[in-house]
Amino acid sequence: MNKEIFQKAIDKWGKEAQINKIQEEALELALALNKRKCPTKDIEQIEENLYDELADMKIMLAQAEIIFDADRINERVKFKLDKLKSML
């Protein structure tokens, strides 16, 4: 992904605004995942929205690695993956 674009977004709107956007996108993803259970909704529309929200969240997580300490995030990812591996 393009780190330069992410940095420009952070520079334009500021870290706090982008942190709020991370929260917003996380909530929207949670709602999109929840809608998958609803039998009265159009499954194709639900799926399209889900993939849009997954893409938005991926973009915001990439910005989180710029805003916060990417090395520390990656250390925790490694720890969690090791933990998952030990459970399998």
N, C-alpha and C. Protein backbone atom coordinates (compact mmCIF):
# COMPACT_ATOMS: atom_id res chain seq x y z
N MET A 1 0.83 -1.18 0.00
CA MET A 1 0.00 0.00 0.00
C MET A 1 0.88 1.25 0.00
N ASN A 2 0.26 2.35 -0.32
CA ASN A 2 1.02 3.58 -0.53
C ASN A 2 1.14 4.40 0.76
N LYS A 3 2.26 4.27 1.43
CA LYS A 3 2.50 4.97 2.69
C LYS A 3 2.46 6.49 2.53
N GLU A 4 2.86 6.96 1.35
CA GLU A 4 2.86 8.40 1.10
C GLU A 4 1.44 8.98 1.17
N ILE A 5 0.48 8.26 0.59
CA ILE A 5 -0.92 8.71 0.63
C ILE A 5 -1.43 8.73 2.07
N PHE A 6 -1.09 7.70 2.83
CA PHE A 6 -1.54 7.64 4.22
C PHE A 6 -0.96 8.81 5.02
N GLN A 7 0.31 9.10 4.81
CA GLN A 7 0.95 10.22 5.52
C GLN A 7 0.31 11.54 5.13
N LYS A 8 -0.03 11.70 3.86
CA LYS A 8 -0.69 12.94 3.42
C LYS A 8 -2.05 13.11 4.09
N ALA A 9 -2.78 12.01 4.26
CA ALA A 9 -4.08 12.07 4.94
C ALA A 9 -3.89 12.49 6.40
N ILE A 10 -2.90 11.91 7.06
CA ILE A 10 -2.60 12.25 8.45
C ILE A 10 -2.18 13.72 8.55
N ASP A 11 -1.34 14.17 7.63
CA ASP A 11 -0.89 15.57 7.63
C ASP A 11 -2.06 16.52 7.39
N LYS A 12 -2.96 16.15 6.50
CA LYS A 12 -4.08 17.03 6.14
C LYS A 12 -5.10 17.14 7.26
N TRP A 13 -5.50 16.00 7.84
CA TRP A 13 -6.60 15.99 8.81
C TRP A 13 -6.13 15.88 10.26
N GLY A 14 -4.88 15.51 10.47
CA GLY A 14 -4.35 15.41 11.82
C GLY A 14 -4.50 14.02 12.41
N LYS A 15 -3.63 13.72 13.37
CA LYS A 15 -3.62 12.39 13.99
C LYS A 15 -4.92 12.08 14.71
N GLU A 16 -5.42 13.03 15.49
CA GLU A 16 -6.64 12.77 16.27
C GLU A 16 -7.84 12.49 15.37
N ALA A 17 -7.95 13.24 14.28
CA ALA A 17 -9.05 13.00 13.34
C ALA A 17 -8.93 11.61 12.72
N GLN A 18 -7.72 11.20 12.40
CA GLN A 18 -7.54 9.89 11.79
C GLN A 18 -7.75 8.77 12.82
N ILE A 19 -7.40 9.02 14.08
CA ILE A 19 -7.70 8.04 15.13
C ILE A 19 -9.21 7.89 15.27
N ASN A 20 -9.94 9.01 15.22
CA ASN A 20 -11.40 8.93 15.25
C ASN A 20 -11.94 8.17 14.05
N LYS A 21 -11.29 8.35 12.91
CA LYS A 21 -11.70 7.64 11.69
C LYS A 21 -11.44 6.14 11.83
N ILE A 22 -10.36 5.77 12.49
CA ILE A 22 -10.09 4.34 12.75
C ILE A 22 -11.24 3.76 13.56
N GLN A 23 -11.65 4.48 14.61
CA GLN A 23 -12.76 4.02 15.44
C GLN A 23 -14.04 3.89 14.62
N GLU A 24 -14.32 4.88 13.81
CA GLU A 24 -15.52 4.89 12.97
C GLU A 24 -15.53 3.68 12.03
N GLU A 25 -14.41 3.46 11.36
CA GLU A 25 -14.35 2.35 10.41
C GLU A 25 -14.44 1.00 11.11
N ALA A 26 -13.87 0.90 12.32
CA ALA A 26 -13.97 -0.35 13.09
C ALA A 26 -15.44 -0.64 13.43
N LEU A 27 -16.15 0.40 13.82
CA LEU A 27 -17.58 0.23 14.13
C LEU A 27 -18.38 -0.15 12.89
N GLU A 28 -18.09 0.50 11.78
CA GLU A 28 -18.79 0.19 10.54
C GLU A 28 -18.52 -1.24 10.10
N LEU A 29 -17.29 -1.71 10.29
CA LEU A 29 -16.97 -3.10 9.96
C LEU A 29 -17.74 -4.05 10.86
N ALA A 30 -17.79 -3.75 12.14
CA ALA A 30 -18.54 -4.60 13.09
C ALA A 30 -20.01 -4.68 12.68
N LEU A 31 -20.59 -3.55 12.30
CA LEU A 31 -21.98 -3.55 11.88
C LEU A 31 -22.18 -4.35 10.59
N ALA A 32 -21.26 -4.19 9.66
CA ALA A 32 -21.35 -4.94 8.39
C ALA A 32 -21.27 -6.44 8.64
N LEU A 33 -20.40 -6.84 9.55
CA LEU A 33 -20.29 -8.26 9.89
C LEU A 33 -21.57 -8.76 10.55
N ASN A 34 -22.15 -7.94 11.39
CA ASN A 34 -23.38 -8.31 12.08
C ASN A 34 -24.55 -8.47 11.10
N LYS A 35 -24.60 -7.64 10.07
CA LYS A 35 -25.70 -7.69 9.09
C LYS A 35 -25.71 -8.98 8.29
N ARG A 36 -24.58 -9.68 8.27
CA ARG A 36 -24.53 -10.96 7.54
C ARG A 36 -25.55 -11.95 8.11
N LYS A 37 -25.93 -11.79 9.36
CA LYS A 37 -26.86 -12.71 10.02
C LYS A 37 -28.32 -12.42 9.70
N CYS A 38 -28.61 -11.26 9.12
CA CYS A 38 -29.99 -10.84 8.90
C CYS A 38 -30.58 -11.49 7.65
N PRO A 39 -31.61 -12.33 7.82
CA PRO A 39 -32.17 -13.05 6.66
C PRO A 39 -33.01 -12.17 5.74
N THR A 40 -33.39 -10.97 6.17
CA THR A 40 -34.24 -10.12 5.33
C THR A 40 -33.46 -9.16 4.44
N LYS A 41 -32.15 -9.18 4.54
CA LYS A 41 -31.32 -8.26 3.75
C LYS A 41 -30.85 -8.93 2.46
N ASP A 42 -30.56 -8.11 1.47
CA ASP A 42 -30.02 -8.57 0.18
C ASP A 42 -28.57 -9.01 0.39
N ILE A 43 -28.31 -10.30 0.21
CA ILE A 43 -26.99 -10.87 0.50
C ILE A 43 -25.90 -10.26 -0.37
N GLU A 44 -26.20 -9.95 -1.63
CA GLU A 44 -25.19 -9.33 -2.49
C GLU A 44 -24.82 -7.94 -2.01
N GLN A 45 -25.80 -7.17 -1.57
CA GLN A 45 -25.53 -5.83 -1.06
C GLN A 45 -24.77 -5.91 0.26
N ILE A 46 -25.15 -6.85 1.09
CA ILE A 46 -24.45 -7.05 2.36
C ILE A 46 -22.99 -7.40 2.10
N GLU A 47 -22.74 -8.30 1.16
CA GLU A 47 -21.38 -8.73 0.86
C GLU A 47 -20.56 -7.58 0.27
N GLU A 48 -21.16 -6.81 -0.62
CA GLU A 48 -20.44 -5.67 -1.20
C GLU A 48 -20.07 -4.67 -0.12
N ASN A 49 -21.00 -4.38 0.78
CA ASN A 49 -20.74 -3.45 1.88
C ASN A 49 -19.65 -4.00 2.80
N LEU A 50 -19.70 -5.30 3.07
CA LEU A 50 -18.70 -5.93 3.93
C LEU A 50 -17.30 -5.74 3.34
N TYR A 51 -17.14 -6.00 2.06
CA TYR A 51 -15.82 -5.85 1.43
C TYR A 51 -15.37 -4.39 1.41
N ASP A 52 -16.32 -3.47 1.24
CA ASP A 52 -15.96 -2.04 1.33
C ASP A 52 -15.44 -1.70 2.72
N GLU A 53 -16.12 -2.21 3.74
CA GLU A 53 -15.72 -1.91 5.12
C GLU A 53 -14.39 -2.59 5.46
N LEU A 54 -14.17 -3.79 4.95
CA LEU A 54 -12.87 -4.45 5.15
C LEU A 54 -11.75 -3.63 4.52
N ALA A 55 -12.01 -3.10 3.32
CA ALA A 55 -11.01 -2.27 2.64
C ALA A 55 -10.75 -0.99 3.43
N ASP A 56 -11.82 -0.35 3.90
CA ASP A 56 -11.65 0.86 4.70
C ASP A 56 -10.83 0.58 5.96
N MET A 57 -11.11 -0.53 6.61
CA MET A 57 -10.40 -0.87 7.84
C MET A 57 -8.93 -1.15 7.55
N LYS A 58 -8.65 -1.81 6.44
CA LYS A 58 -7.26 -2.09 6.08
C LYS A 58 -6.49 -0.78 5.85
N ILE A 59 -7.13 0.17 5.20
CA ILE A 59 -6.52 1.47 4.97
C ILE A 59 -6.25 2.18 6.29
N MET A 60 -7.21 2.14 7.19
CA MET A 60 -7.05 2.83 8.47
C MET A 60 -6.02 2.14 9.36
N LEU A 61 -5.93 0.83 9.29
CA LEU A 61 -4.90 0.12 10.07
C LEU A 61 -3.50 0.47 9.56
N ALA A 62 -3.39 0.68 8.25
CA ALA A 62 -2.09 1.12 7.71
C ALA A 62 -1.73 2.51 8.25
N GLN A 63 -2.73 3.37 8.39
CA GLN A 63 -2.47 4.69 8.97
C GLN A 63 -2.13 4.57 10.45
N ALA A 64 -2.75 3.61 11.13
CA ALA A 64 -2.46 3.40 12.56
C ALA A 64 -0.99 3.04 12.75
N GLU A 65 -0.42 2.32 11.81
CA GLU A 65 1.00 1.96 11.91
C GLU A 65 1.91 3.18 11.75
N ILE A 66 1.40 4.23 11.15
CA ILE A 66 2.16 5.48 11.04
C ILE A 66 1.94 6.32 12.30
N ILE A 67 0.70 6.40 12.73
CA ILE A 67 0.36 7.23 13.89
C ILE A 67 0.96 6.68 15.17
N PHE A 68 0.87 5.36 15.33
CA PHE A 68 1.39 4.71 16.53
C PHE A 68 2.72 4.05 16.20
N ASP A 69 3.30 3.36 17.13
CA ASP A 69 4.61 2.74 16.98
C ASP A 69 4.47 1.42 16.21
N ALA A 70 4.84 1.44 14.92
CA ALA A 70 4.70 0.25 14.07
C ALA A 70 5.51 -0.93 14.60
N ASP A 71 6.69 -0.66 15.12
CA ASP A 71 7.50 -1.75 15.66
C ASP A 71 6.82 -2.41 16.85
N ARG A 72 6.25 -1.59 17.70
CA ARG A 72 5.54 -2.14 18.87
C ARG A 72 4.31 -2.93 18.44
N ILE A 73 3.59 -2.42 17.45
CA ILE A 73 2.43 -3.15 16.92
C ILE A 73 2.88 -4.50 16.39
N ASN A 74 3.96 -4.49 15.61
CA ASN A 74 4.44 -5.73 15.01
C ASN A 74 4.95 -6.72 16.06
N GLU A 75 5.52 -6.21 17.14
CA GLU A 75 5.93 -7.09 18.25
C GLU A 75 4.72 -7.80 18.84
N ARG A 76 3.63 -7.05 19.01
CA ARG A 76 2.41 -7.64 19.57
C ARG A 76 1.76 -8.62 18.59
N VAL A 77 1.85 -8.31 17.31
CA VAL A 77 1.33 -9.23 16.29
C VAL A 77 2.11 -10.54 16.36
N LYS A 78 3.42 -10.45 16.44
CA LYS A 78 4.25 -11.66 16.54
C LYS A 78 3.88 -12.45 17.79
N PHE A 79 3.75 -11.77 18.93
CA PHE A 79 3.37 -12.43 20.17
C PHE A 79 2.03 -13.16 20.02
N LYS A 80 1.06 -12.48 19.44
CA LYS A 80 -0.27 -13.07 19.28
C LYS A 80 -0.26 -14.23 18.29
N LEU A 81 0.53 -14.11 17.23
CA LEU A 81 0.64 -15.22 16.27
C LEU A 81 1.32 -16.43 16.91
N ASP A 82 2.34 -16.17 17.71
CA ASP A 82 3.00 -17.28 18.42
C ASP A 82 2.02 -17.96 19.37
N LYS A 83 1.21 -17.17 20.03
CA LYS A 83 0.20 -17.72 20.94
C LYS A 83 -0.83 -18.56 20.17
N LEU A 84 -1.28 -18.03 19.04
CA LEU A 84 -2.22 -18.76 18.20
C LEU A 84 -1.61 -20.07 17.72
N LYS A 85 -0.36 -20.00 17.28
CA LYS A 85 0.35 -21.19 16.80
C LYS A 85 0.42 -22.27 17.88
N SER A 86 0.66 -21.84 19.12
CA SER A 86 0.77 -22.81 20.21
C SER A 86 -0.58 -23.45 20.54
N MET A 87 -1.66 -22.80 20.18
CA MET A 87 -2.99 -23.35 20.44
C MET A 87 -3.45 -24.30 19.34
N LEU A 88 -2.78 -24.27 18.20
CA LEU A 88 -3.20 -25.11 17.06
C LEU A 88 -2.60 -26.50 17.10
